Amino acid sequence: MNKEKFSFPLFEKAPLVGIIRNVDLEDIKQILPIYREAGLTTVEITMNTPGAADIIRYAVENEAAGLNIGAGTVCTKDDLKSALKAGAQFIVTPVISKKVIKSCVKKGVPVFPGAFTPTEIYNAWSLGATMVKIYPATSLGPEYIKDLKAPMNQLKLLPTGGVGLDNMVAFMKAGANGLGIGGQLFDKKLIQNKDWEGLKSHFIQFVQKLAEL
């Protein structure tokens, strides 16, 4: 059902994957247009969000113009099947699942598997990962990205977990090819208060940080 394929030029315009977890559809209907208007381009809905498949389907059918819409927390082939049936344009996993990665590669769907150690990261890349999600990135910091890239500069890395306004530029300067940001981007208080203007201003701060690069 994915009517549009993942757009790499769109991602490179704002190399940040916004991670939406446990946000309901009615709020997402408000958030996605604001996200796009702020200048962000790529969003994942995690499969452990209640009604994730329906949310992805809605997003692809109604908000795909100017947005890459994917599925996160894809751990099994069943998760993958459900995500792709809903129209997900890319797949993010928290771990290395050979079956999920190989299936995505075979179908031509970009896949960002999660890995932590150099061996895990290289294995994920060797299986055909589009980018490797370094998770959790916060415990090792930007220097870890720099250290990984020194001997393996062919890797494309997406640090995720603990990335925010205070360190995102440092991660990118260390060699990250993109960033995965969840709670620090989708501010719970602003969403609970339905403060959509405040949320848009918050998103714009991230866009401005990317512009510094």
C-alpha atoms as a PDB file:
ATOM      1  CA  MET A   1       0.000   0.000   0.000  1.00  0.00           C
ATOM      2  CA  ASN A   2       2.994   2.372   0.207  1.00  0.00           C
ATOM      3  CA  LYS A   3       1.983   4.670  -2.641  1.00  0.00           C
ATOM      4  CA  GLU A   4       5.157   6.705  -2.398  1.00  0.00           C
ATOM      5  CA  LYS A   5       8.642   5.379  -1.786  1.00  0.00           C
ATOM      6  CA  PHE A   6      11.031   6.724   0.829  1.00  0.00           C
ATOM      7  CA  SER A   7      12.617   9.946  -0.461  1.00  0.00           C
ATOM      8  CA  PHE A   8      16.310  10.304   0.347  1.00  0.00           C
ATOM      9  CA  PRO A   9      16.434  13.948  -0.860  1.00  0.00           C
ATOM     10  CA  LEU A  10      13.582  14.708   1.538  1.00  0.00           C
ATOM     11  CA  PHE A  11      15.424  13.035   4.409  1.00  0.00           C
ATOM     12  CA  GLU A  12      18.672  14.859   3.617  1.00  0.00           C
ATOM     13  CA  LYS A  13      16.806  18.166   3.698  1.00  0.00           C
ATOM     14  CA  ALA A  14      16.282  17.579   7.438  1.00  0.00           C
ATOM     15  CA  PRO A  15      18.188  14.420   8.479  1.00  0.00           C
ATOM     16  CA  LEU A  16      16.137  13.681  11.556  1.00  0.00           C
ATOM     17  CA  VAL A  17      13.741  10.800  12.206  1.00  0.00           C
ATOM     18  CA  GLY A  18      11.022  11.907  14.614  1.00  0.00           C
ATOM     19  CA  ILE A  19       9.882   8.945  16.731  1.00  0.00           C
ATOM     20  CA  ILE A  20       6.195   8.970  17.673  1.00  0.00           C
ATOM     21  CA  ARG A  21       5.306   6.574  20.470  1.00  0.00           C
ATOM     22  CA  ASN A  22       2.014   6.283  22.378  1.00  0.00           C
ATOM     23  CA  VAL A  23       0.346   9.294  20.764  1.00  0.00           C
ATOM     24  CA  ASP A  24      -3.265   8.784  19.669  1.00  0.00           C
ATOM     25  CA  LEU A  25      -4.551   9.285  16.157  1.00  0.00           C
ATOM     26  CA  GLU A  26      -6.519  12.453  16.902  1.00  0.00           C
ATOM     27  CA  ASP A  27      -3.382  14.176  18.182  1.00  0.00           C
ATOM     28  CA  ILE A  28      -1.325  12.839  15.281  1.00  0.00           C
ATOM     29  CA  LYS A  29      -3.816  14.438  12.883  1.00  0.00           C
ATOM     30  CA  GLN A  30      -2.826  17.785  14.429  1.00  0.00           C
ATOM     31  CA  ILE A  31       0.897  17.033  14.741  1.00  0.00           C
ATOM     32  CA  LEU A  32       1.832  15.856  11.234  1.00  0.00           C
ATOM     33  CA  PRO A  33       0.903  19.069   9.339  1.00  0.00           C
ATOM     34  CA  ILE A  34       2.744  21.123  11.989  1.00  0.00           C
ATOM     35  CA  TYR A  35       5.769  18.826  11.732  1.00  0.00           C
ATOM     36  CA  ARG A  36       5.921  19.358   7.969  1.00  0.00           C
ATOM     37  CA  GLU A  37       5.305  23.126   8.203  1.00  0.00           C
ATOM     38  CA  ALA A  38       8.190  23.430  10.674  1.00  0.00           C
ATOM     39  CA  GLY A  39      10.532  21.950   8.063  1.00  0.00           C
ATOM     40  CA  LEU A  40      10.895  18.372   9.321  1.00  0.00           C
ATOM     41  CA  THR A  41      10.489  15.578   6.815  1.00  0.00           C
ATOM     42  CA  THR A  42      10.746  12.067   8.279  1.00  0.00           C
ATOM     43  CA  VAL A  43       8.660  10.438  10.981  1.00  0.00           C
ATOM     44  CA  GLU A  44       8.307   6.913  12.368  1.00  0.00           C
ATOM     45  CA  ILE A  45       5.317   5.537  14.258  1.00  0.00           C
ATOM     46  CA  THR A  46       6.393   2.768  16.619  1.00  0.00           C
ATOM     47  CA  MET A  47       4.560  -0.523  16.279  1.00  0.00           C
ATOM     48  CA  ASN A  48       4.046  -0.739  20.058  1.00  0.00           C
ATOM     49  CA  THR A  49       1.843   2.364  19.880  1.00  0.00           C
ATOM     50  CA  PRO A  50      -1.842   1.366  20.264  1.00  0.00           C
ATOM     51  CA  GLY A  51      -3.418   1.339  16.796  1.00  0.00           C
ATOM     52  CA  ALA A  52      -0.030   1.813  15.095  1.00  0.00           C
ATOM     53  CA  ALA A  53      -1.080   0.233  11.785  1.00  0.00           C
ATOM     54  CA  ASP A  54      -4.165   2.463  11.560  1.00  0.00           C
ATOM     55  CA  ILE A  55      -2.049   5.539  12.363  1.00  0.00           C
ATOM     56  CA  ILE A  56       0.497   4.656   9.665  1.00  0.00           C
ATOM     57  CA  ARG A  57      -2.299   4.019   7.179  1.00  0.00           C
ATOM     58  CA  TYR A  58      -3.896   7.390   7.978  1.00  0.00           C
ATOM     59  CA  ALA A  59      -0.557   9.200   7.731  1.00  0.00           C
ATOM     60  CA  VAL A  60       0.332   7.644   4.363  1.00  0.00           C
ATOM     61  CA  GLU A  61      -3.128   8.312   2.915  1.00  0.00           C
ATOM     62  CA  ASN A  62      -3.450  11.887   4.187  1.00  0.00           C
ATOM     63  CA  GLU A  63      -0.058  13.379   5.044  1.00  0.00           C
ATOM     64  CA  ALA A  64       2.534  11.707   2.803  1.00  0.00           C
ATOM     65  CA  ALA A  65       3.117  14.797   0.630  1.00  0.00           C
ATOM     66  CA  GLY A  66       6.451  16.159   1.862  1.00  0.00           C
ATOM     67  CA  LEU A  67       6.875  13.495   4.539  1.00  0.00           C
ATOM     68  CA  ASN A  68       8.606  10.120   4.791  1.00  0.00           C
ATOM     69  CA  ILE A  69       6.398   7.931   6.987  1.00  0.00           C
ATOM     70  CA  GLY A  70       7.805   4.767   8.521  1.00  0.00           C
ATOM     71  CA  ALA A  71       7.329   2.184  11.243  1.00  0.00           C
ATOM     72  CA  GLY A  72       9.545   1.759  14.289  1.00  0.00           C
ATOM     73  CA  THR A  73      10.040  -0.939  16.932  1.00  0.00           C
ATOM     74  CA  VAL A  74       9.643  -3.591  14.232  1.00  0.00           C
ATOM     75  CA  CYS A  75      10.968  -6.750  15.909  1.00  0.00           C
ATOM     76  CA  THR A  76       9.373  -9.633  14.015  1.00  0.00           C
ATOM     77  CA  LYS A  77       8.268 -10.635  10.518  1.00  0.00           C
ATOM     78  CA  ASP A  78       4.655 -10.200  11.717  1.00  0.00           C
ATOM     79  CA  ASP A  79       5.424  -6.612  12.785  1.00  0.00           C
ATOM     80  CA  LEU A  80       7.022  -6.032   9.390  1.00  0.00           C
ATOM     81  CA  LYS A  81       4.079  -7.495   7.499  1.00  0.00           C
ATOM     82  CA  SER A  82       1.636  -5.310   9.439  1.00  0.00           C
ATOM     83  CA  ALA A  83       3.765  -2.172   8.945  1.00  0.00           C
ATOM     84  CA  LEU A  84       4.203  -2.677   5.195  1.00  0.00           C
ATOM     85  CA  LYS A  85       0.539  -3.532   4.718  1.00  0.00           C
ATOM     86  CA  ALA A  86      -0.298  -0.207   6.386  1.00  0.00           C
ATOM     87  CA  GLY A  87       2.009   1.575   3.925  1.00  0.00           C
ATOM     88  CA  ALA A  88       5.196   2.206   5.913  1.00  0.00           C
ATOM     89  CA  GLN A  89       7.883   3.655   3.620  1.00  0.00           C
ATOM     90  CA  PHE A  90      10.811   2.664   5.843  1.00  0.00           C
ATOM     91  CA  ILE A  91      11.426   0.340   8.783  1.00  0.00           C
ATOM     92  CA  VAL A  92      13.286   0.918  12.058  1.00  0.00           C
ATOM     93  CA  THR A  93      14.152  -1.897  14.458  1.00  0.00           C
ATOM     94  CA  PRO A  94      15.525  -1.740  18.032  1.00  0.00           C
ATOM     95  CA  VAL A  95      17.657  -4.868  17.477  1.00  0.00           C
ATOM     96  CA  ILE A  96      19.277  -6.868  14.687  1.00  0.00           C
ATOM     97  CA  SER A  97      16.680  -9.204  13.214  1.00  0.00           C
ATOM     98  CA  LYS A  98      18.220 -10.906  10.191  1.00  0.00           C
ATOM     99  CA  LYS A  99      14.778 -11.929   8.911  1.00  0.00           C
ATOM    100  CA  VAL A 100      13.439  -8.370   9.073  1.00  0.00           C
ATOM    101  CA  ILE A 101      16.554  -6.800   7.525  1.00  0.00           C
ATOM    102  CA  LYS A 102      16.819  -9.346   4.696  1.00  0.00           C
ATOM    103  CA  SER A 103      13.107  -9.085   3.940  1.00  0.00           C
ATOM    104  CA  CYS A 104      13.349  -5.281   3.701  1.00  0.00           C
ATOM    105  CA  VAL A 105      16.422  -5.498   1.456  1.00  0.00           C
ATOM    106  CA  LYS A 106      14.617  -7.972  -0.799  1.00  0.00           C
ATOM    107  CA  LYS A 107      11.562  -5.698  -1.027  1.00  0.00           C
ATOM    108  CA  GLY A 108      13.652  -2.553  -1.568  1.00  0.00           C
ATOM    109  CA  VAL A 109      12.388  -0.932   1.641  1.00  0.00           C
ATOM    110  CA  PRO A 110      14.944   1.189   3.569  1.00  0.00           C
ATOM    111  CA  VAL A 111      15.708  -0.378   6.946  1.00  0.00           C
ATOM    112  CA  PHE A 112      17.441   1.173   9.963  1.00  0.00           C
ATOM    113  CA  PRO A 113      18.224  -1.648  12.430  1.00  0.00           C
ATOM    114  CA  GLY A 114      19.353  -0.930  15.980  1.00  0.00           C
ATOM    115  CA  ALA A 115      22.830  -1.958  17.116  1.00  0.00           C
ATOM    116  CA  PHE A 116      25.300  -0.943  19.825  1.00  0.00           C
ATOM    117  CA  THR A 117      28.736  -2.567  19.623  1.00  0.00           C
ATOM    118  CA  PRO A 118      31.091  -2.217  16.637  1.00  0.00           C
ATOM    119  CA  THR A 119      30.540  -5.883  15.729  1.00  0.00           C
ATOM    120  CA  GLU A 120      26.733  -5.556  15.880  1.00  0.00           C
ATOM    121  CA  ILE A 121      26.867  -2.349  13.846  1.00  0.00           C
ATOM    122  CA  TYR A 122      29.080  -3.883  11.167  1.00  0.00           C
ATOM    123  CA  ASN A 123      26.921  -7.016  11.032  1.00  0.00           C
ATOM    124  CA  ALA A 124      23.777  -4.925  10.536  1.00  0.00           C
ATOM    125  CA  TRP A 125      25.502  -2.942   7.782  1.00  0.00           C
ATOM    126  CA  SER A 126      26.727  -6.146   6.114  1.00  0.00           C
ATOM    127  CA  LEU A 127      23.173  -7.527   6.067  1.00  0.00           C
ATOM    128  CA  GLY A 128      22.150  -4.540   3.945  1.00  0.00           C
ATOM    129  CA  ALA A 129      21.035  -1.880   6.440  1.00  0.00           C
ATOM    130  CA  THR A 130      20.332   1.498   4.832  1.00  0.00           C
ATOM    131  CA  MET A 131      21.584   3.144   8.019  1.00  0.00           C
ATOM    132  CA  VAL A 132      22.365   1.622  11.406  1.00  0.00           C
ATOM    133  CA  LYS A 133      20.538   3.046  14.389  1.00  0.00           C
ATOM    134  CA  ILE A 134      23.053   3.418  17.231  1.00  0.00           C
ATOM    135  CA  TYR A 135      20.962   2.772  20.313  1.00  0.00           C
ATOM    136  CA  PRO A 136      21.183   3.889  23.027  1.00  0.00           C
ATOM    137  CA  ALA A 137      23.515   6.654  21.860  1.00  0.00           C
ATOM    138  CA  THR A 138      23.353   8.812  24.964  1.00  0.00           C
ATOM    139  CA  SER A 139      25.497   6.508  27.121  1.00  0.00           C
ATOM    140  CA  LEU A 140      28.467   6.762  24.743  1.00  0.00           C
ATOM    141  CA  GLY A 141      28.000  10.224  23.253  1.00  0.00           C
ATOM    142  CA  PRO A 142      29.182  11.851  20.008  1.00  0.00           C
ATOM    143  CA  GLU A 143      32.766  10.628  20.413  1.00  0.00           C
ATOM    144  CA  TYR A 144      31.575   7.062  19.887  1.00  0.00           C
ATOM    145  CA  ILE A 145      30.275   7.994  16.428  1.00  0.00           C
ATOM    146  CA  LYS A 146      33.625   9.575  15.599  1.00  0.00           C
ATOM    147  CA  ASP A 147      35.481   6.484  16.851  1.00  0.00           C
ATOM    148  CA  LEU A 148      33.286   4.146  14.767  1.00  0.00           C
ATOM    149  CA  LYS A 149      33.699   6.189  11.610  1.00  0.00           C
ATOM    150  CA  ALA A 150      37.509   6.326  11.862  1.00  0.00           C
ATOM    151  CA  PRO A 151      38.086   2.702  10.751  1.00  0.00           C
ATOM    152  CA  MET A 152      34.668   2.187   9.109  1.00  0.00           C
ATOM    153  CA  ASN A 153      33.868   5.420   7.299  1.00  0.00           C
ATOM    154  CA  GLN A 154      31.531   3.598   4.911  1.00  0.00           C
ATOM    155  CA  LEU A 155      28.973   3.162   7.701  1.00  0.00           C
ATOM    156  CA  LYS A 156      25.862   5.335   7.736  1.00  0.00           C
ATOM    157  CA  LEU A 157      24.844   5.914  11.359  1.00  0.00           C
ATOM    158  CA  LEU A 158      21.683   7.183  13.027  1.00  0.00           C
ATOM    159  CA  PRO A 159      22.298   7.826  16.752  1.00  0.00           C
ATOM    160  CA  THR A 160      19.087   7.486  18.749  1.00  0.00           C
ATOM    161  CA  GLY A 161      18.251   7.712  22.449  1.00  0.00           C
ATOM    162  CA  GLY A 162      19.119  10.774  24.482  1.00  0.00           C
ATOM    163  CA  VAL A 163      19.634  12.979  21.417  1.00  0.00           C
ATOM    164  CA  GLY A 164      18.217  16.494  21.803  1.00  0.00           C
ATOM    165  CA  LEU A 165      18.777  20.198  21.222  1.00  0.00           C
ATOM    166  CA  ASP A 166      21.844  20.294  23.468  1.00  0.00           C
ATOM    167  CA  ASN A 167      23.848  17.577  21.671  1.00  0.00           C
ATOM    168  CA  MET A 168      22.387  17.052  18.179  1.00  0.00           C
ATOM    169  CA  VAL A 169      24.919  19.318  16.454  1.00  0.00           C
ATOM    170  CA  ALA A 170      27.782  17.511  18.220  1.00  0.00           C
ATOM    171  CA  PHE A 171      26.480  14.132  16.999  1.00  0.00           C
ATOM    172  CA  MET A 172      26.217  15.368  13.413  1.00  0.00           C
ATOM    173  CA  LYS A 173      29.673  16.953  13.504  1.00  0.00           C
ATOM    174  CA  ALA A 174      31.058  13.648  14.826  1.00  0.00           C
ATOM    175  CA  GLY A 175      29.902  11.953  11.622  1.00  0.00           C
ATOM    176  CA  ALA A 176      26.270  10.925  12.175  1.00  0.00           C
ATOM    177  CA  ASN A 177      24.257  10.712   8.955  1.00  0.00           C
ATOM    178  CA  GLY A 178      21.034  11.487  10.734  1.00  0.00           C
ATOM    179  CA  LEU A 179      19.439  11.531  14.177  1.00  0.00           C
ATOM    180  CA  GLY A 180      16.585   9.632  15.790  1.00  0.00           C
ATOM    181  CA  ILE A 181      14.710  11.773  18.320  1.00  0.00           C
ATOM    182  CA  GLY A 182      11.595  10.818  20.258  1.00  0.00           C
ATOM    183  CA  GLY A 183      10.482  12.287  23.572  1.00  0.00           C
ATOM    184  CA  GLN A 184      12.695  15.352  23.340  1.00  0.00           C
ATOM    185  CA  LEU A 185      11.088  16.248  20.011  1.00  0.00           C
ATOM    186  CA  PHE A 186       7.480  15.270  20.683  1.00  0.00           C
ATOM    187  CA  ASP A 187       7.097  17.166  23.949  1.00  0.00           C
ATOM    188  CA  LYS A 188       4.483  15.324  26.043  1.00  0.00           C
ATOM    189  CA  LYS A 189       3.312  18.404  27.928  1.00  0.00           C
ATOM    190  CA  LEU A 190       2.741  20.437  24.768  1.00  0.00           C
ATOM    191  CA  ILE A 191       0.812  17.532  23.223  1.00  0.00           C
ATOM    192  CA  GLN A 192      -1.278  16.922  26.349  1.00  0.00           C
ATOM    193  CA  ASN A 193      -2.148  20.633  26.479  1.00  0.00           C
ATOM    194  CA  LYS A 194      -2.971  20.639  22.736  1.00  0.00           C
ATOM    195  CA  ASP A 195      -0.558  23.557  22.429  1.00  0.00           C
ATOM    196  CA  TRP A 196      -0.016  23.149  18.695  1.00  0.00           C
ATOM    197  CA  GLU A 197       1.572  26.567  18.179  1.00  0.00           C
ATOM    198  CA  GLY A 198       3.977  25.845  21.017  1.00  0.00           C
ATOM    199  CA  LEU A 199       4.779  22.448  19.506  1.00  0.00           C
ATOM    200  CA  LYS A 200       5.471  24.015  16.109  1.00  0.00           C
ATOM    201  CA  SER A 201       7.858  26.524  17.712  1.00  0.00           C
ATOM    202  CA  HIS A 202       9.516  23.611  19.502  1.00  0.00           C
ATOM    203  CA  PHE A 203       9.956  21.723  16.196  1.00  0.00           C
ATOM    204  CA  ILE A 204      11.424  24.830  14.571  1.00  0.00           C
ATOM    205  CA  GLN A 205      14.188  24.891  17.196  1.00  0.00           C
ATOM    206  CA  PHE A 206      15.353  21.488  15.920  1.00  0.00           C
ATOM    207  CA  VAL A 207      15.231  22.691  12.307  1.00  0.00           C
ATOM    208  CA  GLN A 208      17.322  25.729  13.271  1.00  0.00           C
ATOM    209  CA  LYS A 209      19.903  23.477  14.957  1.00  0.00           C
ATOM    210  CA  LEU A 210      20.166  21.396  11.770  1.00  0.00           C
ATOM    211  CA  ALA A 211      20.630  24.626   9.810  1.00  0.00           C
ATOM    212  CA  GLU A 212      23.740  25.372  11.865  1.00  0.00           C
ATOM    213  CA  LEU A 213      25.387  22.509  10.011  1.00  0.00           C
END
